[in-house]
């Protein structure tokens, strides 16, 4: 075979090889490659983990602890009675119920919250029923009224005697003066005198009932009605007396 013919045959073979290579699938699996296939989109971008906000879980908020109403001190209450001093933290009178406390001066001249020595925490009671609310801290608000009381001047009705151990004994009727102080202003808003019983007639025989002490024995009637004073104070406070 001539040289020309050989070269021609080689050119034809090379051309066939190039044609076969052009028609071959470049993908190893025989399917279109991922680069050649367009993926249809829907216009929605799936959120990534970094773009998702955490869902807050509701936390249980503890209920607020109720704050106890601070009570006025005994010295503040006594100052309201003795000096007409306003009490810091007292509430102005409003509404139909006015938290009140009864403060009195005893026979020795000492001022105290009436019934404090008689208060029984177990039974929550004292001889001054209005003050049971104070001792039991059940008013539900600061004090508005201070009810003050002390012995008032006695009324004399002559004397009896003389008696062997006492000499002449004056006949006296005791009384208790009460007044109400507006705790927020110190102003007195009400007063009243509660009288005791009148002394009986002079005794010429039998048992002689005297009161007082060695320095001042007297014939007197019953003392003032404490329950009446308590009921009067309760009415001003807007609550039942008992």
C-alpha atoms as a PDB file:
ATOM      1  CA  UNK A   1       0.000   0.000   0.000  1.00  0.00           C
ATOM      2  CA  UNK A   2       1.234   3.422  -0.869  1.00  0.00           C
ATOM      3  CA  UNK A   3       2.256   5.919   1.697  1.00  0.00           C
ATOM      4  CA  UNK A   4      -0.564   8.198   0.684  1.00  0.00           C
ATOM      5  CA  UNK A   5      -3.172   5.501   1.149  1.00  0.00           C
ATOM      6  CA  UNK A   6      -1.829   4.612   4.567  1.00  0.00           C
ATOM      7  CA  UNK A   7      -1.973   8.199   5.725  1.00  0.00           C
ATOM      8  CA  UNK A   8      -5.544   8.543   4.492  1.00  0.00           C
ATOM      9  CA  UNK A   9      -6.652   5.441   6.373  1.00  0.00           C
ATOM     10  CA  UNK A  10      -5.084   6.757   9.591  1.00  0.00           C
ATOM     11  CA  UNK A  11      -6.858  10.079   9.180  1.00  0.00           C
ATOM     12  CA  UNK A  12     -10.217   8.319   8.723  1.00  0.00           C
ATOM     13  CA  UNK A  13      -9.628   6.207  11.871  1.00  0.00           C
ATOM     14  CA  UNK A  14      -8.704   9.317  13.893  1.00  0.00           C
ATOM     15  CA  UNK A  15     -11.836  11.084  12.693  1.00  0.00           C
ATOM     16  CA  UNK A  16     -14.026   8.171  13.741  1.00  0.00           C
ATOM     17  CA  UNK A  17     -12.417   8.130  17.196  1.00  0.00           C
ATOM     18  CA  UNK A  18     -13.131  11.826  17.704  1.00  0.00           C
ATOM     19  CA  UNK A  19     -16.785  11.364  16.660  1.00  0.00           C
ATOM     20  CA  UNK A  20     -17.233   8.495  19.110  1.00  0.00           C
ATOM     21  CA  UNK A  21     -15.693  10.521  21.911  1.00  0.00           C
ATOM     22  CA  UNK A  22     -18.028  13.467  21.224  1.00  0.00           C
ATOM     23  CA  UNK A  23     -21.097  11.231  21.513  1.00  0.00           C
ATOM     24  CA  UNK A  24     -19.980   9.513  24.731  1.00  0.00           C
ATOM     25  CA  UNK A  25     -21.726  10.380  28.136  1.00  0.00           C
ATOM     26  CA  UNK A  26     -19.220  12.258  30.348  1.00  0.00           C
ATOM     27  CA  UNK A  27     -21.164  11.226  33.495  1.00  0.00           C
ATOM     28  CA  UNK A  28     -19.968   7.993  35.095  1.00  0.00           C
ATOM     29  CA  UNK A  29     -23.599   6.788  35.535  1.00  0.00           C
ATOM     30  CA  UNK A  30     -24.770   7.598  32.066  1.00  0.00           C
ATOM     31  CA  UNK A  31     -27.219  10.274  33.335  1.00  0.00           C
ATOM     32  CA  UNK A  32     -26.962  14.039  32.954  1.00  0.00           C
ATOM     33  CA  UNK A  33     -24.599  15.511  35.567  1.00  0.00           C
ATOM     34  CA  UNK A  34     -25.885  17.641  38.409  1.00  0.00           C
ATOM     35  CA  UNK A  35     -24.205  20.660  36.857  1.00  0.00           C
ATOM     36  CA  UNK A  36     -26.159  20.231  33.629  1.00  0.00           C
ATOM     37  CA  UNK A  37     -29.599  19.758  35.284  1.00  0.00           C
ATOM     38  CA  UNK A  38     -31.437  22.872  36.468  1.00  0.00           C
ATOM     39  CA  UNK A  39     -33.300  22.355  39.780  1.00  0.00           C
ATOM     40  CA  UNK A  40     -36.734  24.037  39.765  1.00  0.00           C
ATOM     41  CA  UNK A  41     -37.308  26.419  42.716  1.00  0.00           C
ATOM     42  CA  UNK A  42     -40.568  27.376  44.419  1.00  0.00           C
ATOM     43  CA  UNK A  43     -39.504  30.804  45.675  1.00  0.00           C
ATOM     44  CA  UNK A  44     -39.379  29.591  49.327  1.00  0.00           C
ATOM     45  CA  UNK A  45     -36.053  29.409  51.079  1.00  0.00           C
ATOM     46  CA  UNK A  46     -35.872  26.744  53.745  1.00  0.00           C
ATOM     47  CA  UNK A  47     -34.806  28.281  57.044  1.00  0.00           C
ATOM     48  CA  UNK A  48     -31.460  27.307  58.357  1.00  0.00           C
ATOM     49  CA  UNK A  49     -30.856  26.347  61.955  1.00  0.00           C
ATOM     50  CA  UNK A  50     -29.147  29.680  62.625  1.00  0.00           C
ATOM     51  CA  UNK A  51     -32.183  31.677  61.422  1.00  0.00           C
ATOM     52  CA  UNK A  52     -34.816  29.950  63.643  1.00  0.00           C
ATOM     53  CA  UNK A  53     -35.566  31.928  66.824  1.00  0.00           C
ATOM     54  CA  UNK A  54     -35.924  29.729  69.919  1.00  0.00           C
ATOM     55  CA  UNK A  55     -39.476  29.419  71.244  1.00  0.00           C
ATOM     56  CA  UNK A  56     -39.648  30.914  74.729  1.00  0.00           C
ATOM     57  CA  UNK A  57     -41.191  28.687  77.359  1.00  0.00           C
ATOM     58  CA  UNK A  58     -43.569  30.429  79.772  1.00  0.00           C
ATOM     59  CA  UNK A  59     -41.963  30.748  83.177  1.00  0.00           C
ATOM     60  CA  UNK A  60     -44.012  30.585  86.348  1.00  0.00           C
ATOM     61  CA  UNK A  61     -43.850  33.950  88.104  1.00  0.00           C
ATOM     62  CA  UNK A  62     -44.038  33.532  91.883  1.00  0.00           C
ATOM     63  CA  UNK A  63     -46.991  35.272  93.498  1.00  0.00           C
ATOM     64  CA  UNK A  64     -45.967  38.426  95.369  1.00  0.00           C
ATOM     65  CA  UNK A  65     -45.801  38.047  99.121  1.00  0.00           C
ATOM     66  CA  UNK A  66     -48.343  40.351 100.795  1.00  0.00           C
ATOM     67  CA  UNK A  67     -46.748  43.069 102.867  1.00  0.00           C
ATOM     68  CA  UNK A  68     -47.980  43.276 106.422  1.00  0.00           C
ATOM     69  CA  UNK A  69     -49.334  46.624 107.455  1.00  0.00           C
ATOM     70  CA  UNK A  70     -46.869  48.154 109.933  1.00  0.00           C
ATOM     71  CA  UNK A  71     -48.489  48.960 113.265  1.00  0.00           C
ATOM     72  CA  UNK A  72     -47.966  52.260 114.996  1.00  0.00           C
ATOM     73  CA  UNK A  73     -45.857  51.978 118.119  1.00  0.00           C
ATOM     74  CA  UNK A  74     -47.244  52.399 121.618  1.00  0.00           C
ATOM     75  CA  UNK A  75     -45.198  55.565 122.051  1.00  0.00           C
ATOM     76  CA  UNK A  76     -46.782  57.064 118.928  1.00  0.00           C
ATOM     77  CA  UNK A  77     -50.270  56.198 120.152  1.00  0.00           C
ATOM     78  CA  UNK A  78     -49.578  57.644 123.594  1.00  0.00           C
ATOM     79  CA  UNK A  79     -48.179  60.837 122.037  1.00  0.00           C
ATOM     80  CA  UNK A  80     -51.388  61.196 120.037  1.00  0.00           C
ATOM     81  CA  UNK A  81     -53.382  61.068 123.302  1.00  0.00           C
ATOM     82  CA  UNK A  82     -51.118  63.179 125.506  1.00  0.00           C
ATOM     83  CA  UNK A  83     -49.904  65.769 123.018  1.00  0.00           C
ATOM     84  CA  UNK A  84     -52.265  65.559 120.052  1.00  0.00           C
ATOM     85  CA  UNK A  85     -49.338  64.435 117.914  1.00  0.00           C
ATOM     86  CA  UNK A  86     -50.002  63.165 114.401  1.00  0.00           C
ATOM     87  CA  UNK A  87     -48.807  59.609 113.745  1.00  0.00           C
ATOM     88  CA  UNK A  88     -46.450  59.078 110.834  1.00  0.00           C
ATOM     89  CA  UNK A  89     -47.847  56.413 108.506  1.00  0.00           C
ATOM     90  CA  UNK A  90     -51.410  56.765 109.778  1.00  0.00           C
ATOM     91  CA  UNK A  91     -54.160  56.757 107.171  1.00  0.00           C
ATOM     92  CA  UNK A  92     -56.565  59.630 106.695  1.00  0.00           C
ATOM     93  CA  UNK A  93     -60.150  58.879 107.583  1.00  0.00           C
ATOM     94  CA  UNK A  94     -61.986  57.449 104.605  1.00  0.00           C
ATOM     95  CA  UNK A  95     -64.569  54.818 103.848  1.00  0.00           C
ATOM     96  CA  UNK A  96     -67.018  53.365 106.351  1.00  0.00           C
ATOM     97  CA  UNK A  97     -64.531  51.481 108.539  1.00  0.00           C
ATOM     98  CA  UNK A  98     -61.815  53.336 110.453  1.00  0.00           C
ATOM     99  CA  UNK A  99     -59.108  51.177 112.062  1.00  0.00           C
ATOM    100  CA  UNK A 100     -58.914  52.276 115.693  1.00  0.00           C
ATOM    101  CA  UNK A 101     -57.074  51.451 118.893  1.00  0.00           C
ATOM    102  CA  UNK A 102     -58.020  52.303 122.481  1.00  0.00           C
ATOM    103  CA  UNK A 103     -55.248  53.735 124.656  1.00  0.00           C
ATOM    104  CA  UNK A 104     -55.749  54.461 128.353  1.00  0.00           C
ATOM    105  CA  UNK A 105     -54.065  55.796 131.468  1.00  0.00           C
ATOM    106  CA  UNK A 106     -54.251  53.510 134.478  1.00  0.00           C
ATOM    107  CA  UNK A 107     -54.518  54.318 138.179  1.00  0.00           C
ATOM    108  CA  UNK A 108     -50.721  54.597 138.450  1.00  0.00           C
ATOM    109  CA  UNK A 109     -50.597  57.176 135.672  1.00  0.00           C
ATOM    110  CA  UNK A 110     -49.073  54.856 133.060  1.00  0.00           C
ATOM    111  CA  UNK A 111     -50.340  54.965 129.473  1.00  0.00           C
ATOM    112  CA  UNK A 112     -50.747  51.733 127.552  1.00  0.00           C
ATOM    113  CA  UNK A 113     -52.866  50.070 124.875  1.00  0.00           C
ATOM    114  CA  UNK A 114     -56.008  49.087 126.798  1.00  0.00           C
ATOM    115  CA  UNK A 115     -56.343  45.361 127.349  1.00  0.00           C
ATOM    116  CA  UNK A 116     -52.765  44.532 126.377  1.00  0.00           C
ATOM    117  CA  UNK A 117     -52.126  42.832 129.726  1.00  0.00           C
ATOM    118  CA  UNK A 118     -55.342  40.810 129.319  1.00  0.00           C
ATOM    119  CA  UNK A 119     -54.799  39.781 125.670  1.00  0.00           C
ATOM    120  CA  UNK A 120     -54.992  36.031 125.240  1.00  0.00           C
ATOM    121  CA  UNK A 121     -53.407  34.972 121.911  1.00  0.00           C
ATOM    122  CA  UNK A 122     -54.986  31.512 122.126  1.00  0.00           C
ATOM    123  CA  UNK A 123     -58.538  32.861 122.348  1.00  0.00           C
ATOM    124  CA  UNK A 124     -57.669  36.107 120.525  1.00  0.00           C
ATOM    125  CA  UNK A 125     -59.613  38.146 123.039  1.00  0.00           C
ATOM    126  CA  UNK A 126     -59.197  40.667 125.837  1.00  0.00           C
ATOM    127  CA  UNK A 127     -61.464  42.711 128.076  1.00  0.00           C
ATOM    128  CA  UNK A 128     -61.387  45.449 125.408  1.00  0.00           C
ATOM    129  CA  UNK A 129     -63.027  43.721 122.469  1.00  0.00           C
ATOM    130  CA  UNK A 130     -62.362  46.521 119.987  1.00  0.00           C
ATOM    131  CA  UNK A 131     -58.635  46.180 120.643  1.00  0.00           C
ATOM    132  CA  UNK A 132     -58.783  42.477 119.820  1.00  0.00           C
ATOM    133  CA  UNK A 133     -58.590  43.590 116.192  1.00  0.00           C
ATOM    134  CA  UNK A 134     -55.430  45.527 117.008  1.00  0.00           C
ATOM    135  CA  UNK A 135     -53.745  42.756 118.980  1.00  0.00           C
ATOM    136  CA  UNK A 136     -54.709  40.229 116.300  1.00  0.00           C
ATOM    137  CA  UNK A 137     -53.571  42.547 113.476  1.00  0.00           C
ATOM    138  CA  UNK A 138     -56.872  42.077 111.648  1.00  0.00           C
ATOM    139  CA  UNK A 139     -57.765  45.675 110.770  1.00  0.00           C
ATOM    140  CA  UNK A 140     -56.229  45.292 107.315  1.00  0.00           C
ATOM    141  CA  UNK A 141     -54.875  48.844 107.201  1.00  0.00           C
ATOM    142  CA  UNK A 142     -53.011  51.478 109.191  1.00  0.00           C
ATOM    143  CA  UNK A 143     -54.627  53.177 112.170  1.00  0.00           C
ATOM    144  CA  UNK A 144     -57.022  56.067 111.534  1.00  0.00           C
ATOM    145  CA  UNK A 145     -58.399  56.744 115.019  1.00  0.00           C
ATOM    146  CA  UNK A 146     -56.900  56.679 118.511  1.00  0.00           C
ATOM    147  CA  UNK A 147     -59.477  56.462 121.307  1.00  0.00           C
ATOM    148  CA  UNK A 148     -57.943  57.867 124.510  1.00  0.00           C
ATOM    149  CA  UNK A 149     -59.313  57.617 128.043  1.00  0.00           C
ATOM    150  CA  UNK A 150     -58.319  58.498 131.584  1.00  0.00           C
ATOM    151  CA  UNK A 151     -59.973  59.223 134.917  1.00  0.00           C
ATOM    152  CA  UNK A 152     -62.059  62.389 135.004  1.00  0.00           C
ATOM    153  CA  UNK A 153     -62.549  64.544 138.111  1.00  0.00           C
ATOM    154  CA  UNK A 154     -64.882  62.908 140.612  1.00  0.00           C
ATOM    155  CA  UNK A 155     -68.208  64.323 141.747  1.00  0.00           C
ATOM    156  CA  UNK A 156     -68.517  64.566 145.543  1.00  0.00           C
ATOM    157  CA  UNK A 157     -71.737  64.110 147.480  1.00  0.00           C
ATOM    158  CA  UNK A 158     -70.723  65.025 151.039  1.00  0.00           C
ATOM    159  CA  UNK A 159     -69.279  62.471 153.450  1.00  0.00           C
ATOM    160  CA  UNK A 160     -70.256  59.853 155.973  1.00  0.00           C
ATOM    161  CA  UNK A 161     -68.916  58.962 159.376  1.00  0.00           C
ATOM    162  CA  UNK A 162     -66.882  59.157 161.387  1.00  0.00           C
ATOM    163  CA  UNK A 163     -66.087  55.464 161.369  1.00  0.00           C
ATOM    164  CA  UNK A 164     -63.795  53.695 163.809  1.00  0.00           C
ATOM    165  CA  UNK A 165     -61.112  52.729 161.303  1.00  0.00           C
ATOM    166  CA  UNK A 166     -61.647  55.353 158.602  1.00  0.00           C
ATOM    167  CA  UNK A 167     -62.874  58.535 160.184  1.00  0.00           C
ATOM    168  CA  UNK A 168     -65.097  60.467 157.835  1.00  0.00           C
ATOM    169  CA  UNK A 169     -65.399  59.041 154.338  1.00  0.00           C
ATOM    170  CA  UNK A 170     -66.194  61.219 151.322  1.00  0.00           C
ATOM    171  CA  UNK A 171     -68.951  60.026 149.013  1.00  0.00           C
ATOM    172  CA  UNK A 172     -67.692  60.157 145.436  1.00  0.00           C
ATOM    173  CA  UNK A 173     -68.915  59.358 141.954  1.00  0.00           C
ATOM    174  CA  UNK A 174     -66.098  58.433 139.586  1.00  0.00           C
ATOM    175  CA  UNK A 175     -66.015  59.041 135.843  1.00  0.00           C
ATOM    176  CA  UNK A 176     -63.845  58.346 132.809  1.00  0.00           C
ATOM    177  CA  UNK A 177     -63.130  60.904 130.136  1.00  0.00           C
ATOM    178  CA  UNK A 178     -62.702  59.634 126.569  1.00  0.00           C
ATOM    179  CA  UNK A 179     -61.698  61.485 123.435  1.00  0.00           C
ATOM    180  CA  UNK A 180     -60.952  60.441 119.878  1.00  0.00           C
ATOM    181  CA  UNK A 181     -57.895  61.648 117.982  1.00  0.00           C
ATOM    182  CA  UNK A 182     -57.597  61.670 114.208  1.00  0.00           C
ATOM    183  CA  UNK A 183     -54.332  59.732 113.900  1.00  0.00           C
ATOM    184  CA  UNK A 184     -53.236  61.449 110.677  1.00  0.00           C
ATOM    185  CA  UNK A 185     -53.674  65.002 111.972  1.00  0.00           C
ATOM    186  CA  UNK A 186     -53.593  64.742 115.772  1.00  0.00           C
ATOM    187  CA  UNK A 187     -56.873  66.653 115.988  1.00  0.00           C
ATOM    188  CA  UNK A 188     -59.508  65.664 118.570  1.00  0.00           C
ATOM    189  CA  UNK A 189     -62.769  64.913 116.777  1.00  0.00           C
ATOM    190  CA  UNK A 190     -65.012  63.613 119.591  1.00  0.00           C
ATOM    191  CA  UNK A 191     -65.200  63.586 123.406  1.00  0.00           C
ATOM    192  CA  UNK A 192     -67.431  61.933 125.981  1.00  0.00           C
ATOM    193  CA  UNK A 193     -67.539  61.364 129.733  1.00  0.00           C
ATOM    194  CA  UNK A 194     -68.641  57.976 131.090  1.00  0.00           C
ATOM    195  CA  UNK A 195     -69.887  58.303 134.662  1.00  0.00           C
ATOM    196  CA  UNK A 196     -69.847  55.607 137.293  1.00  0.00           C
ATOM    197  CA  UNK A 197     -72.647  54.902 139.718  1.00  0.00           C
ATOM    198  CA  UNK A 198     -73.580  57.339 142.444  1.00  0.00           C
ATOM    199  CA  UNK A 199     -72.557  56.380 145.997  1.00  0.00           C
ATOM    200  CA  UNK A 200     -75.194  54.919 148.212  1.00  0.00           C
ATOM    201  CA  UNK A 201     -76.483  56.454 151.454  1.00  0.00           C
ATOM    202  CA  UNK A 202     -74.363  56.537 154.577  1.00  0.00           C
ATOM    203  CA  UNK A 203     -74.469  53.206 156.376  1.00  0.00           C
ATOM    204  CA  UNK A 204     -75.323  53.100 160.067  1.00  0.00           C
ATOM    205  CA  UNK A 205     -74.851  49.368 160.396  1.00  0.00           C
ATOM    206  CA  UNK A 206     -73.930  46.227 158.578  1.00  0.00           C
ATOM    207  CA  UNK A 207     -71.092  45.963 156.070  1.00  0.00           C
ATOM    208  CA  UNK A 208     -69.381  49.122 154.887  1.00  0.00           C
ATOM    209  CA  UNK A 209     -67.984  48.949 151.334  1.00  0.00           C
ATOM    210  CA  UNK A 210     -65.115  51.344 150.767  1.00  0.00           C
ATOM    211  CA  UNK A 211     -62.631  51.823 147.927  1.00  0.00           C
ATOM    212  CA  UNK A 212     -59.409  53.666 147.333  1.00  0.00           C
ATOM    213  CA  UNK A 213     -56.424  53.149 149.599  1.00  0.00           C
ATOM    214  CA  UNK A 214     -54.971  54.000 152.999  1.00  0.00           C
ATOM    215  CA  UNK A 215     -54.282  57.544 151.910  1.00  0.00           C
ATOM    216  CA  UNK A 216     -57.745  58.097 150.458  1.00  0.00           C
ATOM    217  CA  UNK A 217     -60.567  55.787 151.462  1.00  0.00           C
ATOM    218  CA  UNK A 218     -63.900  56.714 149.924  1.00  0.00           C
ATOM    219  CA  UNK A 219     -67.466  55.570 149.619  1.00  0.00           C
ATOM    220  CA  UNK A 220     -68.263  55.321 145.905  1.00  0.00           C
ATOM    221  CA  UNK A 221     -70.663  53.701 143.535  1.00  0.00           C
ATOM    222  CA  UNK A 222     -69.784  51.351 140.714  1.00  0.00           C
ATOM    223  CA  UNK A 223     -67.068  52.390 138.286  1.00  0.00           C
ATOM    224  CA  UNK A 224     -67.774  53.567 134.765  1.00  0.00           C
ATOM    225  CA  UNK A 225     -69.099  51.087 132.227  1.00  0.00           C
ATOM    226  CA  UNK A 226     -66.120  49.889 130.227  1.00  0.00           C
ATOM    227  CA  UNK A 227     -68.372  48.069 127.775  1.00  0.00           C
ATOM    228  CA  UNK A 228     -70.184  51.324 127.027  1.00  0.00           C
ATOM    229  CA  UNK A 229     -66.887  53.051 126.223  1.00  0.00           C
ATOM    230  CA  UNK A 230     -65.847  50.140 124.008  1.00  0.00           C
ATOM    231  CA  UNK A 231     -69.200  50.220 122.166  1.00  0.00           C
ATOM    232  CA  UNK A 232     -68.906  53.979 121.630  1.00  0.00           C
ATOM    233  CA  UNK A 233     -65.412  53.577 120.197  1.00  0.00           C
ATOM    234  CA  UNK A 234     -66.543  50.702 117.969  1.00  0.00           C
ATOM    235  CA  UNK A 235     -69.404  52.797 116.586  1.00  0.00           C
ATOM    236  CA  UNK A 236     -66.976  55.587 115.653  1.00  0.00           C
ATOM    237  CA  UNK A 237     -64.733  52.985 114.017  1.00  0.00           C
ATOM    238  CA  UNK A 238     -67.683  51.599 112.033  1.00  0.00           C
ATOM    239  CA  UNK A 239     -67.525  48.037 113.371  1.00  0.00           C
ATOM    240  CA  UNK A 240     -69.592  45.907 115.786  1.00  0.00           C
ATOM    241  CA  UNK A 241     -68.525  46.312 119.436  1.00  0.00           C
ATOM    242  CA  UNK A 242     -67.848  42.620 119.995  1.00  0.00           C
END
